Amino acid sequence: MRPLTTPVNYTIPFNLETMPQRFASIGSCFSEKIVELLSHAGFECLSNPNGIVYNPYSIEQSVRHISEDRPYDAETFFLYNDLYHSREHHGKFSGETLSEVMEKAENERKRFRKFLEEPCPVALTFGTAVVFREKNTGKIVANCHKVPGTEFERDLLTVSHCRELIANTVELLTGSGDHPVILSVSPVRHHPGDPVLNSRSKAILIEACHEAEESCSGKCAYFPGFELLHDELRDYRFYADDLIHPSAAAEEFILENFMTHCYGSKAKVLLDIGWKNIKRSRHVPGGLV
C-alpha cells in the first residue's frame, strides 16, 4: 500500500531516560503543552519564567537574567492603562503597583534559577523571528501589552542574529549545569494574516536552530514539531477550529512522538500515566481506572 503520509525521521542524541524526572521549558505556548504532559506523568516541571515569550531575543534575555542572577531593574517596567507592565514579561505579570509587578518577576526568576540548580533537560520553543522595537527607546519587547502599534517598529531578525541568540541561550543553560537543550519551532502560525511573513519567520528560526545545533557541538538537539504537523500530518483535520493551532489529536501525536524519541523504553509508561491524569483533571471519561 502506498504511504499516506510523509514520515519525519530524526534522532534525539540525549539519553534522557537516565536523567531525574525533571523538565523545564521556555518559549511559546507549545512548550507548556510538553510540561503539562510531563507533570501529569509525575515529573517535577517548571516553564516560562517570564510567561509565554516567542522570539529568540526575549528568550535569550530571560535565560541571561536567570543564569547571571541579574534582577530586573525599574526601567524594565512602565505604566499603561492604569497597570504596570514589564517589557520582558507576559501580561500575567502586570499589576496595579510597580512593587507588585517587580516582586512577581523577581520571585519567578529566582524560582527558575533554583530549579536549574539540579539536572534537567530544557526545551526552547521559538514562535517567531519578528520582533517589536519601541520607537522611543529602541528596545525589543517580549510583549506589546496592547500599546498602540504606532509606538513600535517591526523588525524581522536575520538567520545569523537568531543563530547567535539561540547559541548564547544554549551556552548559558549548559554552562550552569547538566541541562541538555532541545530546540524546536512552534507549529502554530504566528502571523496568520500574513502567510508570507509567517513562512519567512519560521524558515529563519528553523535554519537558525540547525546552525546553532551544529555550532554548539552536542549540547542541544532539534525536535521537528513544526515539521511533524505541517509535513507528516499535513491536513486541516489536524488543526483547531481557528485553522491556526494544532487540534487535540495533532498535539497528542506530536507529544507522543517527542516522548518516544526522548524517553525510549520509558515513554509508553509515562504516556499512559500522563494522559490518564490529564483526562482525570479535565473530567474526561477514561481518566479513571
C-alpha atoms as a PDB file:
ATOM      1  CA  MET A   1       0.000   0.000   0.000  1.00  0.00           C
ATOM      2  CA  ARG A   2       1.306   3.450  -0.894  1.00  0.00           C
ATOM      3  CA  PRO A   3       2.236   5.564   2.184  1.00  0.00           C
ATOM      4  CA  LEU A   4      -0.393   8.180   3.001  1.00  0.00           C
ATOM      5  CA  THR A   5       1.943  10.460   4.975  1.00  0.00           C
ATOM      6  CA  THR A   6       5.494  11.768   4.731  1.00  0.00           C
ATOM      7  CA  PRO A   7       7.329  10.417   7.798  1.00  0.00           C
ATOM      8  CA  VAL A   8       9.646  12.847   9.583  1.00  0.00           C
ATOM      9  CA  ASN A   9      12.754  10.894  10.563  1.00  0.00           C
ATOM     10  CA  TYR A  10      15.065  12.273  13.243  1.00  0.00           C
ATOM     11  CA  THR A  11      17.012  11.332  16.353  1.00  0.00           C
ATOM     12  CA  ILE A  12      17.487  12.983  19.749  1.00  0.00           C
ATOM     13  CA  PRO A  13      21.088  12.204  20.786  1.00  0.00           C
ATOM     14  CA  PHE A  14      20.473  12.516  24.517  1.00  0.00           C
ATOM     15  CA  ASN A  15      19.776   9.644  26.890  1.00  0.00           C
ATOM     16  CA  LEU A  16      17.039  11.328  28.898  1.00  0.00           C
ATOM     17  CA  GLU A  17      15.837   8.001  30.328  1.00  0.00           C
ATOM     18  CA  THR A  18      18.658   8.032  32.875  1.00  0.00           C
ATOM     19  CA  MET A  19      18.105  11.624  33.992  1.00  0.00           C
ATOM     20  CA  PRO A  20      15.998  12.602  37.017  1.00  0.00           C
ATOM     21  CA  GLN A  21      12.303  13.048  36.238  1.00  0.00           C
ATOM     22  CA  ARG A  22      12.553  16.825  35.974  1.00  0.00           C
ATOM     23  CA  PHE A  23      11.921  19.049  32.963  1.00  0.00           C
ATOM     24  CA  ALA A  24      11.982  22.777  32.157  1.00  0.00           C
ATOM     25  CA  SER A  25      10.728  24.669  29.133  1.00  0.00           C
ATOM     26  CA  ILE A  26      10.849  28.237  27.879  1.00  0.00           C
ATOM     27  CA  GLY A  27       9.142  29.827  24.909  1.00  0.00           C
ATOM     28  CA  SER A  28       5.830  29.725  23.086  1.00  0.00           C
ATOM     29  CA  CYS A  29       2.589  28.183  24.288  1.00  0.00           C
ATOM     30  CA  PHE A  30       3.558  24.846  22.709  1.00  0.00           C
ATOM     31  CA  SER A  31       6.350  24.464  25.273  1.00  0.00           C
ATOM     32  CA  GLU A  32       3.712  24.494  28.010  1.00  0.00           C
ATOM     33  CA  LYS A  33       1.968  21.509  26.388  1.00  0.00           C
ATOM     34  CA  ILE A  34       5.121  19.441  26.875  1.00  0.00           C
ATOM     35  CA  VAL A  35       5.311  20.442  30.525  1.00  0.00           C
ATOM     36  CA  GLU A  36       1.610  19.722  31.089  1.00  0.00           C
ATOM     37  CA  LEU A  37       2.003  16.139  29.882  1.00  0.00           C
ATOM     38  CA  LEU A  38       5.234  15.501  31.773  1.00  0.00           C
ATOM     39  CA  SER A  39       3.953  16.993  35.015  1.00  0.00           C
ATOM     40  CA  HIS A  40       0.896  14.727  34.840  1.00  0.00           C
ATOM     41  CA  ALA A  41       3.268  11.810  34.246  1.00  0.00           C
ATOM     42  CA  GLY A  42       4.940  12.537  37.586  1.00  0.00           C
ATOM     43  CA  PHE A  43       7.789  14.816  36.544  1.00  0.00           C
ATOM     44  CA  GLU A  44       8.827  17.877  38.508  1.00  0.00           C
ATOM     45  CA  CYS A  45       8.396  20.631  35.914  1.00  0.00           C
ATOM     46  CA  LEU A  46       8.723  24.368  35.502  1.00  0.00           C
ATOM     47  CA  SER A  47       8.060  26.539  32.466  1.00  0.00           C
ATOM     48  CA  ASN A  48       8.296  30.105  31.238  1.00  0.00           C
ATOM     49  CA  PRO A  49       9.816  32.245  33.990  1.00  0.00           C
ATOM     50  CA  ASN A  50       8.696  35.355  32.050  1.00  0.00           C
ATOM     51  CA  GLY A  51       5.408  33.896  30.906  1.00  0.00           C
ATOM     52  CA  ILE A  52       4.916  32.893  27.282  1.00  0.00           C
ATOM     53  CA  VAL A  53       7.527  34.513  25.027  1.00  0.00           C
ATOM     54  CA  TYR A  54       8.029  33.939  21.327  1.00  0.00           C
ATOM     55  CA  ASN A  55      11.166  35.454  19.854  1.00  0.00           C
ATOM     56  CA  PRO A  56      14.822  34.353  20.309  1.00  0.00           C
ATOM     57  CA  TYR A  57      15.916  37.720  21.706  1.00  0.00           C
ATOM     58  CA  SER A  58      13.398  37.728  24.564  1.00  0.00           C
ATOM     59  CA  ILE A  59      14.076  34.062  25.356  1.00  0.00           C
ATOM     60  CA  GLU A  60      17.822  34.746  25.499  1.00  0.00           C
ATOM     61  CA  GLN A  61      17.267  37.733  27.779  1.00  0.00           C
ATOM     62  CA  SER A  62      15.076  35.679  30.105  1.00  0.00           C
ATOM     63  CA  VAL A  63      17.736  32.967  30.410  1.00  0.00           C
ATOM     64  CA  ARG A  64      20.517  35.541  30.818  1.00  0.00           C
ATOM     65  CA  HIS A  65      18.785  37.152  33.811  1.00  0.00           C
ATOM     66  CA  ILE A  66      18.444  33.688  35.381  1.00  0.00           C
ATOM     67  CA  SER A  67      21.930  32.422  34.588  1.00  0.00           C
ATOM     68  CA  GLU A  68      23.716  35.630  35.623  1.00  0.00           C
ATOM     69  CA  ASP A  69      21.459  36.061  38.663  1.00  0.00           C
ATOM     70  CA  ARG A  70      20.555  39.534  37.472  1.00  0.00           C
ATOM     71  CA  PRO A  71      17.324  41.102  38.823  1.00  0.00           C
ATOM     72  CA  TYR A  72      15.148  43.272  36.579  1.00  0.00           C
ATOM     73  CA  ASP A  73      15.589  46.998  37.159  1.00  0.00           C
ATOM     74  CA  ALA A  74      12.798  49.554  37.344  1.00  0.00           C
ATOM     75  CA  GLU A  75      13.410  50.684  33.749  1.00  0.00           C
ATOM     76  CA  THR A  76      12.040  47.337  32.545  1.00  0.00           C
ATOM     77  CA  PHE A  77       8.562  48.330  33.745  1.00  0.00           C
ATOM     78  CA  PHE A  78       6.119  51.016  32.609  1.00  0.00           C
ATOM     79  CA  LEU A  79       2.643  52.322  33.354  1.00  0.00           C
ATOM     80  CA  TYR A  80      -0.073  51.999  30.718  1.00  0.00           C
ATOM     81  CA  ASN A  81      -3.878  51.975  31.104  1.00  0.00           C
ATOM     82  CA  ASP A  82      -3.572  52.159  34.916  1.00  0.00           C
ATOM     83  CA  LEU A  83      -1.463  48.997  35.100  1.00  0.00           C
ATOM     84  CA  TYR A  84       2.261  48.429  35.373  1.00  0.00           C
ATOM     85  CA  HIS A  85       3.711  46.125  32.738  1.00  0.00           C
ATOM     86  CA  SER A  86       7.107  44.600  32.001  1.00  0.00           C
ATOM     87  CA  ARG A  87       8.793  44.916  28.625  1.00  0.00           C
ATOM     88  CA  GLU A  88      10.309  41.461  29.168  1.00  0.00           C
ATOM     89  CA  HIS A  89       7.308  39.589  30.595  1.00  0.00           C
ATOM     90  CA  HIS A  90       3.890  38.308  29.590  1.00  0.00           C
ATOM     91  CA  GLY A  91       0.784  40.215  30.652  1.00  0.00           C
ATOM     92  CA  LYS A  92       0.096  37.798  33.501  1.00  0.00           C
ATOM     93  CA  PHE A  93       2.821  39.666  35.426  1.00  0.00           C
ATOM     94  CA  SER A  94       1.049  43.037  35.063  1.00  0.00           C
ATOM     95  CA  GLY A  95      -0.410  44.662  38.175  1.00  0.00           C
ATOM     96  CA  GLU A  96      -1.644  47.811  39.845  1.00  0.00           C
ATOM     97  CA  THR A  97       1.616  48.757  41.557  1.00  0.00           C
ATOM     98  CA  LEU A  98       5.219  48.765  40.403  1.00  0.00           C
ATOM     99  CA  SER A  99       6.397  46.953  43.520  1.00  0.00           C
ATOM    100  CA  GLU A 100       3.858  44.173  42.978  1.00  0.00           C
ATOM    101  CA  VAL A 101       4.943  43.594  39.371  1.00  0.00           C
ATOM    102  CA  MET A 102       8.655  43.723  40.219  1.00  0.00           C
ATOM    103  CA  GLU A 103       8.129  41.251  43.048  1.00  0.00           C
ATOM    104  CA  LYS A 104       6.299  38.810  40.742  1.00  0.00           C
ATOM    105  CA  ALA A 105       9.102  38.993  38.185  1.00  0.00           C
ATOM    106  CA  GLU A 106      11.836  38.560  40.776  1.00  0.00           C
ATOM    107  CA  ASN A 107      10.139  35.655  42.547  1.00  0.00           C
ATOM    108  CA  GLU A 108       9.700  33.753  39.297  1.00  0.00           C
ATOM    109  CA  ARG A 109      13.279  34.475  38.177  1.00  0.00           C
ATOM    110  CA  LYS A 110      14.647  33.153  41.478  1.00  0.00           C
ATOM    111  CA  ARG A 111      12.355  30.116  41.376  1.00  0.00           C
ATOM    112  CA  PHE A 112      13.577  29.144  37.916  1.00  0.00           C
ATOM    113  CA  ARG A 113      17.203  29.709  38.879  1.00  0.00           C
ATOM    114  CA  LYS A 114      16.713  27.440  41.905  1.00  0.00           C
ATOM    115  CA  PHE A 115      15.102  24.791  39.690  1.00  0.00           C
ATOM    116  CA  LEU A 116      18.112  24.785  37.357  1.00  0.00           C
ATOM    117  CA  GLU A 117      20.484  24.009  40.214  1.00  0.00           C
ATOM    118  CA  GLU A 118      19.672  20.324  39.609  1.00  0.00           C
ATOM    119  CA  PRO A 119      19.996  18.400  36.324  1.00  0.00           C
ATOM    120  CA  CYS A 120      17.119  18.542  33.851  1.00  0.00           C
ATOM    121  CA  PRO A 121      16.538  18.864  30.111  1.00  0.00           C
ATOM    122  CA  VAL A 122      15.364  22.284  28.914  1.00  0.00           C
ATOM    123  CA  ALA A 123      13.128  22.729  25.874  1.00  0.00           C
ATOM    124  CA  LEU A 124      13.300  26.033  23.988  1.00  0.00           C
ATOM    125  CA  THR A 125      10.354  26.615  21.653  1.00  0.00           C
ATOM    126  CA  PHE A 126      10.610  29.589  19.306  1.00  0.00           C
ATOM    127  CA  GLY A 127       7.479  31.077  17.775  1.00  0.00           C
ATOM    128  CA  THR A 128       8.630  33.945  15.586  1.00  0.00           C
ATOM    129  CA  ALA A 129      11.662  35.816  14.264  1.00  0.00           C
ATOM    130  CA  VAL A 130       9.571  39.003  14.122  1.00  0.00           C
ATOM    131  CA  VAL A 131      10.260  41.458  16.959  1.00  0.00           C
ATOM    132  CA  PHE A 132       8.733  44.755  18.021  1.00  0.00           C
ATOM    133  CA  ARG A 133      11.075  47.561  18.974  1.00  0.00           C
ATOM    134  CA  GLU A 134       9.976  50.614  20.973  1.00  0.00           C
ATOM    135  CA  LYS A 135      10.479  53.752  18.929  1.00  0.00           C
ATOM    136  CA  ASN A 136      11.357  55.914  21.928  1.00  0.00           C
ATOM    137  CA  THR A 137      13.895  53.514  23.487  1.00  0.00           C
ATOM    138  CA  GLY A 138      14.972  51.235  20.638  1.00  0.00           C
ATOM    139  CA  LYS A 139      14.410  48.224  22.919  1.00  0.00           C
ATOM    140  CA  ILE A 140      12.941  44.939  21.727  1.00  0.00           C
ATOM    141  CA  VAL A 141       9.945  43.934  23.848  1.00  0.00           C
ATOM    142  CA  ALA A 142       8.675  40.468  24.678  1.00  0.00           C
ATOM    143  CA  ASN A 143       5.080  41.695  24.782  1.00  0.00           C
ATOM    144  CA  CYS A 144       3.393  44.859  23.478  1.00  0.00           C
ATOM    145  CA  HIS A 145       0.700  44.831  26.208  1.00  0.00           C
ATOM    146  CA  LYS A 146      -1.837  46.339  23.756  1.00  0.00           C
ATOM    147  CA  VAL A 147       0.152  49.566  23.482  1.00  0.00           C
ATOM    148  CA  PRO A 148      -0.751  51.137  20.067  1.00  0.00           C
ATOM    149  CA  GLY A 149       1.269  49.738  17.174  1.00  0.00           C
ATOM    150  CA  THR A 150       2.368  53.251  16.230  1.00  0.00           C
ATOM    151  CA  GLU A 151       4.714  53.148  19.233  1.00  0.00           C
ATOM    152  CA  PHE A 152       6.738  50.284  17.737  1.00  0.00           C
ATOM    153  CA  GLU A 153       8.845  49.385  14.738  1.00  0.00           C
ATOM    154  CA  ARG A 154       8.533  45.829  13.446  1.00  0.00           C
ATOM    155  CA  ASP A 155      11.763  44.033  12.505  1.00  0.00           C
ATOM    156  CA  LEU A 156      12.500  40.598  11.105  1.00  0.00           C
ATOM    157  CA  LEU A 157      15.626  39.164  12.729  1.00  0.00           C
ATOM    158  CA  THR A 158      18.213  37.610  10.420  1.00  0.00           C
ATOM    159  CA  VAL A 159      19.286  33.978  10.480  1.00  0.00           C
ATOM    160  CA  SER A 160      22.729  34.934  11.790  1.00  0.00           C
ATOM    161  CA  HIS A 161      21.273  37.045  14.609  1.00  0.00           C
ATOM    162  CA  CYS A 162      18.839  34.286  15.605  1.00  0.00           C
ATOM    163  CA  ARG A 163      21.616  31.673  15.480  1.00  0.00           C
ATOM    164  CA  GLU A 164      23.752  33.820  17.781  1.00  0.00           C
ATOM    165  CA  LEU A 165      20.890  34.350  20.235  1.00  0.00           C
ATOM    166  CA  ILE A 166      19.964  30.655  20.289  1.00  0.00           C
ATOM    167  CA  ALA A 167      23.588  29.553  20.680  1.00  0.00           C
ATOM    168  CA  ASN A 168      24.044  32.075  23.511  1.00  0.00           C
ATOM    169  CA  THR A 169      20.973  30.676  25.252  1.00  0.00           C
ATOM    170  CA  VAL A 170      22.258  27.110  24.916  1.00  0.00           C
ATOM    171  CA  GLU A 171      25.675  28.079  26.313  1.00  0.00           C
ATOM    172  CA  LEU A 172      24.100  29.908  29.258  1.00  0.00           C
ATOM    173  CA  LEU A 173      21.964  26.876  30.138  1.00  0.00           C
ATOM    174  CA  THR A 174      24.582  24.178  29.659  1.00  0.00           C
ATOM    175  CA  GLY A 175      27.226  26.292  31.381  1.00  0.00           C
ATOM    176  CA  SER A 176      25.175  26.376  34.568  1.00  0.00           C
ATOM    177  CA  GLY A 177      24.622  22.624  34.961  1.00  0.00           C
ATOM    178  CA  ASP A 178      23.606  19.342  33.348  1.00  0.00           C
ATOM    179  CA  HIS A 179      20.932  20.720  31.028  1.00  0.00           C
ATOM    180  CA  PRO A 180      20.693  19.106  27.587  1.00  0.00           C
ATOM    181  CA  VAL A 181      18.746  21.569  25.443  1.00  0.00           C
ATOM    182  CA  ILE A 182      16.032  20.619  22.974  1.00  0.00           C
ATOM    183  CA  LEU A 183      15.317  23.243  20.313  1.00  0.00           C
ATOM    184  CA  SER A 184      12.037  23.443  18.451  1.00  0.00           C
ATOM    185  CA  VAL A 185       9.971  25.817  16.340  1.00  0.00           C
ATOM    186  CA  SER A 186       6.330  26.159  17.313  1.00  0.00           C
ATOM    187  CA  PRO A 187       3.995  24.666  14.684  1.00  0.00           C
ATOM    188  CA  VAL A 188       1.452  27.417  15.437  1.00  0.00           C
ATOM    189  CA  ARG A 189       1.181  30.083  12.742  1.00  0.00           C
ATOM    190  CA  HIS A 190       2.321  33.238  14.495  1.00  0.00           C
ATOM    191  CA  HIS A 191       1.288  35.633  11.688  1.00  0.00           C
ATOM    192  CA  PRO A 192      -1.920  34.059  10.317  1.00  0.00           C
ATOM    193  CA  GLY A 193      -2.947  37.226   8.459  1.00  0.00           C
ATOM    194  CA  ASP A 194       0.342  37.302   6.582  1.00  0.00           C
ATOM    195  CA  PRO A 195       1.286  33.803   5.379  1.00  0.00           C
ATOM    196  CA  VAL A 196       4.382  35.050   3.532  1.00  0.00           C
ATOM    197  CA  LEU A 197       5.775  36.759   6.639  1.00  0.00           C
ATOM    198  CA  ASN A 198       4.919  33.699   8.732  1.00  0.00           C
ATOM    199  CA  SER A 199       6.798  31.429   6.312  1.00  0.00           C
ATOM    200  CA  ARG A 200       9.837  33.722   6.237  1.00  0.00           C
ATOM    201  CA  SER A 201       9.856  33.900  10.029  1.00  0.00           C
ATOM    202  CA  LYS A 202       9.571  30.138  10.540  1.00  0.00           C
ATOM    203  CA  ALA A 203      12.223  29.457   7.887  1.00  0.00           C
ATOM    204  CA  ILE A 204      14.647  31.799   9.660  1.00  0.00           C
ATOM    205  CA  LEU A 205      14.020  30.082  13.004  1.00  0.00           C
ATOM    206  CA  ILE A 206      14.396  26.568  11.584  1.00  0.00           C
ATOM    207  CA  GLU A 207      17.693  27.369   9.871  1.00  0.00           C
ATOM    208  CA  ALA A 208      18.974  29.236  12.947  1.00  0.00           C
ATOM    209  CA  CYS A 209      18.137  26.253  15.199  1.00  0.00           C
ATOM    210  CA  HIS A 210      20.042  23.870  12.933  1.00  0.00           C
ATOM    211  CA  GLU A 211      23.044  26.193  12.706  1.00  0.00           C
ATOM    212  CA  ALA A 212      23.045  26.632  16.492  1.00  0.00           C
ATOM    213  CA  GLU A 213      22.857  22.850  16.916  1.00  0.00           C
ATOM    214  CA  GLU A 214      25.932  22.464  14.681  1.00  0.00           C
ATOM    215  CA  SER A 215      27.890  25.199  16.458  1.00  0.00           C
ATOM    216  CA  CYS A 216      27.094  24.007  19.992  1.00  0.00           C
ATOM    217  CA  SER A 217      28.626  20.548  19.472  1.00  0.00           C
ATOM    218  CA  GLY A 218      26.397  18.079  21.271  1.00  0.00           C
ATOM    219  CA  LYS A 219      24.851  20.483  23.771  1.00  0.00           C
ATOM    220  CA  CYS A 220      21.499  20.767  22.003  1.00  0.00           C
ATOM    221  CA  ALA A 221      19.289  18.879  19.554  1.00  0.00           C
ATOM    222  CA  TYR A 222      16.436  19.841  17.233  1.00  0.00           C
ATOM    223  CA  PHE A 223      12.934  18.425  17.704  1.00  0.00           C
ATOM    224  CA  PRO A 224      10.865  18.817  14.483  1.00  0.00           C
ATOM    225  CA  GLY A 225       7.492  19.680  15.995  1.00  0.00           C
ATOM    226  CA  PHE A 226       6.827  22.160  13.175  1.00  0.00           C
ATOM    227  CA  GLU A 227       7.591  19.539  10.527  1.00  0.00           C
ATOM    228  CA  LEU A 228       5.510  16.846  12.202  1.00  0.00           C
ATOM    229  CA  LEU A 229       2.363  18.980  11.912  1.00  0.00           C
ATOM    230  CA  HIS A 230       2.938  20.617   8.546  1.00  0.00           C
ATOM    231  CA  ASP A 231       4.665  17.709   6.734  1.00  0.00           C
ATOM    232  CA  GLU A 232       3.724  14.409   8.337  1.00  0.00           C
ATOM    233  CA  LEU A 233       0.127  15.254   9.293  1.00  0.00           C
ATOM    234  CA  ARG A 234      -0.463  17.981   6.687  1.00  0.00           C
ATOM    235  CA  ASP A 235      -4.252  18.080   6.723  1.00  0.00           C
ATOM    236  CA  TYR A 236      -6.781  20.590   8.071  1.00  0.00           C
ATOM    237  CA  ARG A 237      -8.298  17.756  10.115  1.00  0.00           C
ATOM    238  CA  PHE A 238      -5.308  18.240  12.405  1.00  0.00           C
ATOM    239  CA  TYR A 239      -5.956  21.932  13.062  1.00  0.00           C
ATOM    240  CA  ALA A 240      -8.276  23.510  15.607  1.00  0.00           C
ATOM    241  CA  ASP A 241     -11.351  25.496  14.568  1.00  0.00           C
ATOM    242  CA  ASP A 242      -9.232  28.643  14.141  1.00  0.00           C
ATOM    243  CA  LEU A 243      -7.186  26.768  11.475  1.00  0.00           C
ATOM    244  CA  ILE A 244      -4.029  28.040  13.193  1.00  0.00           C
ATOM    245  CA  HIS A 245      -3.414  25.930  16.290  1.00  0.00           C
ATOM    246  CA  PRO A 246      -2.964  22.144  16.232  1.00  0.00           C
ATOM    247  CA  SER A 247      -6.041  20.110  17.094  1.00  0.00           C
ATOM    248  CA  ALA A 248      -6.073  17.975  20.223  1.00  0.00           C
ATOM    249  CA  ALA A 249      -5.295  14.917  18.082  1.00  0.00           C
ATOM    250  CA  ALA A 250      -2.303  16.689  16.487  1.00  0.00           C
ATOM    251  CA  GLU A 251      -0.976  17.825  19.864  1.00  0.00           C
ATOM    252  CA  GLU A 252      -1.251  14.256  21.142  1.00  0.00           C
ATOM    253  CA  PHE A 253       0.592  12.898  18.098  1.00  0.00           C
ATOM    254  CA  ILE A 254       3.431  15.439  18.385  1.00  0.00           C
ATOM    255  CA  LEU A 255       3.803  14.983  22.145  1.00  0.00           C
ATOM    256  CA  GLU A 256       3.863  11.188  21.879  1.00  0.00           C
ATOM    257  CA  ASN A 257       6.443  11.473  19.106  1.00  0.00           C
ATOM    258  CA  PHE A 258       8.538  13.686  21.370  1.00  0.00           C
ATOM    259  CA  MET A 259       8.273  11.288  24.305  1.00  0.00           C
ATOM    260  CA  THR A 260       9.136   8.227  22.213  1.00  0.00           C
ATOM    261  CA  HIS A 261      12.295   9.841  20.824  1.00  0.00           C
ATOM    262  CA  CYS A 262      13.414  11.350  24.143  1.00  0.00           C
ATOM    263  CA  TYR A 263      12.480   8.673  26.689  1.00  0.00           C
ATOM    264  CA  GLY A 264      12.661   5.443  24.673  1.00  0.00           C
ATOM    265  CA  SER A 265      11.581   2.401  26.668  1.00  0.00           C
ATOM    266  CA  LYS A 266      10.092   4.564  29.447  1.00  0.00           C
ATOM    267  CA  ALA A 267       7.876   6.511  27.037  1.00  0.00           C
ATOM    268  CA  LYS A 268       4.851   4.204  26.958  1.00  0.00           C
ATOM    269  CA  VAL A 269       4.536   4.016  30.748  1.00  0.00           C
ATOM    270  CA  LEU A 270       4.987   7.790  31.089  1.00  0.00           C
ATOM    271  CA  LEU A 271       2.437   8.462  28.354  1.00  0.00           C
ATOM    272  CA  ASP A 272      -0.142   6.115  29.865  1.00  0.00           C
ATOM    273  CA  ILE A 273       0.163   7.834  33.252  1.00  0.00           C
ATOM    274  CA  GLY A 274       0.265  11.336  31.767  1.00  0.00           C
ATOM    275  CA  TRP A 275      -2.784  11.041  29.516  1.00  0.00           C
ATOM    276  CA  LYS A 276      -4.800   9.276  32.213  1.00  0.00           C
ATOM    277  CA  ASN A 277      -4.093  12.032  34.742  1.00  0.00           C
ATOM    278  CA  ILE A 278      -4.808  14.780  32.208  1.00  0.00           C
ATOM    279  CA  LYS A 279      -8.183  13.204  31.457  1.00  0.00           C
ATOM    280  CA  ARG A 280      -8.873  12.907  35.178  1.00  0.00           C
ATOM    281  CA  SER A 281      -8.021  16.589  35.733  1.00  0.00           C
ATOM    282  CA  ARG A 282     -10.370  17.593  32.905  1.00  0.00           C
ATOM    283  CA  HIS A 283     -13.154  15.221  33.981  1.00  0.00           C
ATOM    284  CA  VAL A 284     -12.905  13.348  30.671  1.00  0.00           C
ATOM    285  CA  PRO A 285     -14.290   9.772  30.567  1.00  0.00           C
ATOM    286  CA  GLY A 286     -11.450   7.234  30.656  1.00  0.00           C
ATOM    287  CA  GLY A 287      -9.425   9.214  33.158  1.00  0.00           C
ATOM    288  CA  LEU A 288     -10.251   6.832  35.995  1.00  0.00           C
ATOM    289  CA  VAL A 289      -9.469   3.152  36.448  1.00  0.00           C
END
